[in-house]
Amino acid sequence: MLDAREIYSLSDFQRNAKQFIEQLQESHKPIVLTVNGKASVILQDAASYQELLDELTVFRSAAMIRQGMAEAETGQDRDVVEALEELRLKHDIPR
């Protein structure tokens, strides 16, 4: 969740970019930049952004596993040999 205290104007960021970057790297909390009083951009330090991407990858993988398990339970699964043969034929891949 974004902290309402971490909202700044783009102009303020441009005048004090170095201090904002130091703040991001120390706190690991994103900040919101506004343009004409409206939220426009969210800034985050690189390490926190990478951590977010890694977590998203794990969650997506878990969702795909759950989906596969649900399909298997309802009989929607397929034999891997048959599926690979179908792909081979579809893409005209020689044996």
N, C-alpha and C. Protein backbone atom coordinates (compact mmCIF):
# COMPACT_ATOMS: atom_id res chain seq x y z
N MET A 1 0.83 -1.18 0.00
CA MET A 1 0.00 0.00 0.00
C MET A 1 0.88 1.24 0.00
N LEU A 2 0.46 2.24 -0.75
CA LEU A 2 1.23 3.48 -0.81
C LEU A 2 0.94 4.36 0.38
N ASP A 3 1.97 5.00 0.87
CA ASP A 3 1.85 5.90 2.00
C ASP A 3 1.47 7.28 1.48
N ALA A 4 0.40 7.84 1.99
CA ALA A 4 -0.05 9.16 1.55
C ALA A 4 0.99 10.24 1.82
N ARG A 5 1.92 9.95 2.72
CA ARG A 5 2.98 10.91 3.00
C ARG A 5 4.09 10.85 1.95
N GLU A 6 4.04 9.89 1.06
CA GLU A 6 5.07 9.70 0.03
C GLU A 6 4.56 10.16 -1.34
N ILE A 7 3.86 11.29 -1.38
CA ILE A 7 3.35 11.85 -2.62
C ILE A 7 3.99 13.22 -2.82
N TYR A 8 4.61 13.40 -3.98
CA TYR A 8 5.33 14.63 -4.27
C TYR A 8 5.05 15.07 -5.70
N SER A 9 5.24 16.35 -5.94
CA SER A 9 5.06 16.86 -7.30
C SER A 9 6.28 16.50 -8.14
N LEU A 10 6.06 16.38 -9.42
CA LEU A 10 7.15 16.10 -10.34
C LEU A 10 8.18 17.22 -10.29
N SER A 11 7.72 18.45 -10.15
CA SER A 11 8.64 19.60 -10.06
C SER A 11 9.55 19.47 -8.84
N ASP A 12 8.98 19.07 -7.71
CA ASP A 12 9.77 18.88 -6.49
C ASP A 12 10.81 17.78 -6.71
N PHE A 13 10.41 16.70 -7.37
CA PHE A 13 11.35 15.62 -7.67
C PHE A 13 12.48 16.12 -8.56
N GLN A 14 12.15 16.88 -9.58
CA GLN A 14 13.17 17.38 -10.50
C GLN A 14 14.18 18.28 -9.79
N ARG A 15 13.71 19.08 -8.84
CA ARG A 15 14.61 19.97 -8.11
C ARG A 15 15.50 19.21 -7.11
N ASN A 16 15.02 18.07 -6.63
CA ASN A 16 15.73 17.35 -5.56
C ASN A 16 15.91 15.87 -5.89
N ALA A 17 16.19 15.56 -7.13
CA ALA A 17 16.25 14.16 -7.59
C ALA A 17 17.22 13.33 -6.76
N LYS A 18 18.40 13.86 -6.46
CA LYS A 18 19.40 13.09 -5.73
C LYS A 18 18.87 12.67 -4.35
N GLN A 19 18.23 13.60 -3.64
CA GLN A 19 17.70 13.28 -2.31
C GLN A 19 16.57 12.25 -2.40
N PHE A 20 15.72 12.37 -3.43
CA PHE A 20 14.64 11.40 -3.59
C PHE A 20 15.19 10.00 -3.87
N ILE A 21 16.20 9.92 -4.69
CA ILE A 21 16.80 8.63 -5.00
C ILE A 21 17.42 8.01 -3.76
N GLU A 22 18.11 8.82 -2.96
CA GLU A 22 18.67 8.32 -1.71
C GLU A 22 17.56 7.82 -0.78
N GLN A 23 16.44 8.56 -0.72
CA GLN A 23 15.31 8.16 0.12
C GLN A 23 14.75 6.82 -0.35
N LEU A 24 14.61 6.66 -1.66
CA LEU A 24 14.08 5.40 -2.21
C LEU A 24 14.99 4.23 -1.87
N GLN A 25 16.29 4.43 -1.99
CA GLN A 25 17.24 3.36 -1.73
C GLN A 25 17.32 3.00 -0.25
N GLU A 26 17.10 3.96 0.61
CA GLU A 26 17.15 3.70 2.05
C GLU A 26 15.85 3.08 2.58
N SER A 27 14.72 3.64 2.15
CA SER A 27 13.43 3.21 2.72
C SER A 27 12.83 2.02 1.99
N HIS A 28 13.17 1.83 0.72
CA HIS A 28 12.58 0.79 -0.12
C HIS A 28 11.07 0.94 -0.26
N LYS A 29 10.58 2.16 -0.01
CA LYS A 29 9.15 2.45 -0.16
C LYS A 29 8.96 3.27 -1.43
N PRO A 30 8.01 2.91 -2.27
CA PRO A 30 7.77 3.68 -3.49
C PRO A 30 7.22 5.07 -3.17
N ILE A 31 7.42 6.00 -4.10
CA ILE A 31 6.84 7.32 -3.97
C ILE A 31 5.99 7.61 -5.20
N VAL A 32 5.00 8.45 -5.01
CA VAL A 32 4.10 8.84 -6.09
C VAL A 32 4.47 10.26 -6.51
N LEU A 33 4.60 10.46 -7.81
CA LEU A 33 4.83 11.80 -8.34
C LEU A 33 3.56 12.26 -9.02
N THR A 34 3.22 13.52 -8.79
CA THR A 34 2.02 14.08 -9.38
C THR A 34 2.35 15.09 -10.47
N VAL A 35 1.44 15.19 -11.42
CA VAL A 35 1.50 16.21 -12.46
C VAL A 35 0.15 16.90 -12.43
N ASN A 36 0.17 18.21 -12.26
CA ASN A 36 -1.06 18.99 -12.14
C ASN A 36 -1.97 18.44 -11.04
N GLY A 37 -1.35 17.99 -9.94
CA GLY A 37 -2.11 17.54 -8.79
C GLY A 37 -2.67 16.13 -8.86
N LYS A 38 -2.39 15.43 -9.95
CA LYS A 38 -2.90 14.07 -10.11
C LYS A 38 -1.75 13.08 -10.14
N ALA A 39 -1.94 11.92 -9.50
CA ALA A 39 -0.91 10.88 -9.50
C ALA A 39 -0.58 10.52 -10.94
N SER A 40 0.72 10.50 -11.25
CA SER A 40 1.13 10.25 -12.62
C SER A 40 2.15 9.12 -12.73
N VAL A 41 3.08 9.06 -11.78
CA VAL A 41 4.17 8.09 -11.85
C VAL A 41 4.48 7.57 -10.46
N ILE A 42 4.85 6.28 -10.41
CA ILE A 42 5.33 5.71 -9.15
C ILE A 42 6.80 5.35 -9.35
N LEU A 43 7.63 5.78 -8.42
CA LEU A 43 9.05 5.46 -8.46
C LEU A 43 9.38 4.46 -7.37
N GLN A 44 10.28 3.54 -7.71
CA GLN A 44 10.67 2.50 -6.76
C GLN A 44 12.15 2.19 -7.00
N ASP A 45 12.85 1.83 -5.94
CA ASP A 45 14.25 1.47 -6.10
C ASP A 45 14.35 0.13 -6.84
N ALA A 46 15.48 -0.08 -7.50
CA ALA A 46 15.65 -1.25 -8.37
C ALA A 46 15.55 -2.57 -7.60
N ALA A 47 16.12 -2.65 -6.42
CA ALA A 47 16.08 -3.90 -5.65
C ALA A 47 14.65 -4.28 -5.27
N SER A 48 13.86 -3.31 -4.84
CA SER A 48 12.47 -3.58 -4.48
C SER A 48 11.65 -3.96 -5.70
N TYR A 49 11.94 -3.32 -6.83
CA TYR A 49 11.23 -3.65 -8.06
C TYR A 49 11.53 -5.08 -8.48
N GLN A 50 12.79 -5.49 -8.40
CA GLN A 50 13.16 -6.85 -8.76
C GLN A 50 12.49 -7.86 -7.83
N GLU A 51 12.43 -7.53 -6.55
CA GLU A 51 11.76 -8.41 -5.58
C GLU A 51 10.28 -8.56 -5.94
N LEU A 52 9.66 -7.47 -6.34
CA LEU A 52 8.25 -7.51 -6.75
C LEU A 52 8.06 -8.40 -7.98
N LEU A 53 8.96 -8.27 -8.96
CA LEU A 53 8.90 -9.11 -10.15
C LEU A 53 9.08 -10.58 -9.81
N ASP A 54 10.01 -10.88 -8.90
CA ASP A 54 10.25 -12.26 -8.49
C ASP A 54 9.00 -12.85 -7.81
N GLU A 55 8.37 -12.07 -6.95
CA GLU A 55 7.16 -12.53 -6.28
C GLU A 55 6.04 -12.77 -7.28
N LEU A 56 5.93 -11.89 -8.25
CA LEU A 56 4.90 -12.04 -9.28
C LEU A 56 5.12 -13.33 -10.07
N THR A 57 6.36 -13.64 -10.39
CA THR A 57 6.69 -14.87 -11.10
C THR A 57 6.26 -16.09 -10.30
N VAL A 58 6.52 -16.08 -9.01
CA VAL A 58 6.13 -17.20 -8.14
C VAL A 58 4.60 -17.34 -8.10
N PHE A 59 3.90 -16.23 -7.95
CA PHE A 59 2.44 -16.27 -7.89
C PHE A 59 1.84 -16.77 -9.20
N ARG A 60 2.39 -16.33 -10.32
CA ARG A 60 1.89 -16.78 -11.62
C ARG A 60 2.15 -18.27 -11.81
N SER A 61 3.32 -18.73 -11.39
CA SER A 61 3.64 -20.16 -11.49
C SER A 61 2.68 -20.98 -10.64
N ALA A 62 2.42 -20.51 -9.44
CA ALA A 62 1.48 -21.22 -8.55
C ALA A 62 0.09 -21.27 -9.16
N ALA A 63 -0.33 -20.18 -9.78
CA ALA A 63 -1.65 -20.15 -10.41
C ALA A 63 -1.72 -21.14 -11.57
N MET A 64 -0.65 -21.24 -12.34
CA MET A 64 -0.63 -22.18 -13.46
C MET A 64 -0.66 -23.63 -12.95
N ILE A 65 0.04 -23.88 -11.86
CA ILE A 65 0.04 -25.23 -11.27
C ILE A 65 -1.36 -25.57 -10.77
N ARG A 66 -2.00 -24.61 -10.07
CA ARG A 66 -3.37 -24.85 -9.60
C ARG A 66 -4.31 -25.11 -10.77
N GLN A 67 -4.16 -24.36 -11.85
CA GLN A 67 -5.00 -24.56 -13.02
C GLN A 67 -4.78 -25.95 -13.61
N GLY A 68 -3.53 -26.36 -13.72
CA GLY A 68 -3.23 -27.69 -14.24
C GLY A 68 -3.79 -28.79 -13.38
N MET A 69 -3.70 -28.62 -12.08
CA MET A 69 -4.25 -29.63 -11.16
C MET A 69 -5.78 -29.69 -11.29
N ALA A 70 -6.42 -28.53 -11.43
CA ALA A 70 -7.87 -28.50 -11.59
C ALA A 70 -8.28 -29.18 -12.89
N GLU A 71 -7.53 -28.93 -13.96
CA GLU A 71 -7.83 -29.55 -15.25
C GLU A 71 -7.65 -31.07 -15.16
N ALA A 72 -6.62 -31.51 -14.47
CA ALA A 72 -6.39 -32.94 -14.33
C ALA A 72 -7.52 -33.60 -13.54
N GLU A 73 -8.01 -32.91 -12.51
CA GLU A 73 -9.10 -33.46 -11.70
C GLU A 73 -10.40 -33.61 -12.50
N THR A 74 -10.58 -32.74 -13.49
CA THR A 74 -11.81 -32.80 -14.29
C THR A 74 -11.63 -33.56 -15.59
N GLY A 75 -10.46 -34.23 -15.73
CA GLY A 75 -10.23 -35.04 -16.92
C GLY A 75 -9.83 -34.26 -18.15
N GLN A 76 -9.38 -33.04 -17.98
CA GLN A 76 -8.98 -32.22 -19.12
C GLN A 76 -7.49 -32.35 -19.44
N ASP A 77 -6.79 -33.20 -18.71
CA ASP A 77 -5.36 -33.37 -18.96
C ASP A 77 -5.13 -34.19 -20.22
N ARG A 78 -3.89 -34.13 -20.73
CA ARG A 78 -3.55 -34.86 -21.96
C ARG A 78 -2.25 -35.61 -21.76
N ASP A 79 -2.10 -36.67 -22.50
CA ASP A 79 -0.86 -37.43 -22.49
C ASP A 79 0.23 -36.59 -23.14
N VAL A 80 1.37 -36.50 -22.49
CA VAL A 80 2.45 -35.64 -22.98
C VAL A 80 2.96 -36.09 -24.35
N VAL A 81 3.03 -37.38 -24.58
CA VAL A 81 3.51 -37.88 -25.88
C VAL A 81 2.56 -37.45 -26.99
N GLU A 82 1.26 -37.55 -26.73
CA GLU A 82 0.27 -37.12 -27.72
C GLU A 82 0.36 -35.61 -27.96
N ALA A 83 0.50 -34.84 -26.91
CA ALA A 83 0.58 -33.39 -27.04
C ALA A 83 1.81 -32.98 -27.84
N LEU A 84 2.95 -33.62 -27.57
CA LEU A 84 4.17 -33.29 -28.31
C LEU A 84 4.06 -33.69 -29.78
N GLU A 85 3.43 -34.82 -30.04
CA GLU A 85 3.23 -35.26 -31.43
C GLU A 85 2.33 -34.27 -32.17
N GLU A 86 1.31 -33.79 -31.49
CA GLU A 86 0.42 -32.79 -32.11
C GLU A 86 1.18 -31.51 -32.44
N LEU A 87 2.04 -31.07 -31.53
CA LEU A 87 2.87 -29.88 -31.79
C LEU A 87 3.83 -30.12 -32.94
N ARG A 88 4.43 -31.32 -32.99
CA ARG A 88 5.36 -31.65 -34.07
C ARG A 88 4.67 -31.55 -35.42
N LEU A 89 3.46 -32.12 -35.51
CA LEU A 89 2.71 -32.08 -36.76
C LEU A 89 2.26 -30.66 -37.11
N LYS A 90 1.80 -29.95 -36.12
CA LYS A 90 1.31 -28.57 -36.33
C LYS A 90 2.39 -27.67 -36.88
N HIS A 91 3.60 -27.84 -36.39
CA HIS A 91 4.72 -26.96 -36.78
C HIS A 91 5.66 -27.62 -37.78
N ASP A 92 5.23 -28.75 -38.32
CA ASP A 92 5.98 -29.45 -39.35
C ASP A 92 7.44 -29.70 -38.92
N ILE A 93 7.59 -30.25 -37.74
CA ILE A 93 8.92 -30.56 -37.19
C ILE A 93 9.24 -32.01 -37.52
N PRO A 94 10.36 -32.24 -38.21
CA PRO A 94 10.72 -33.63 -38.56
C PRO A 94 11.13 -34.41 -37.32
N ARG A 95 11.01 -35.73 -37.42
CA ARG A 95 11.42 -36.60 -36.31
C ARG A 95 12.90 -36.77 -36.29
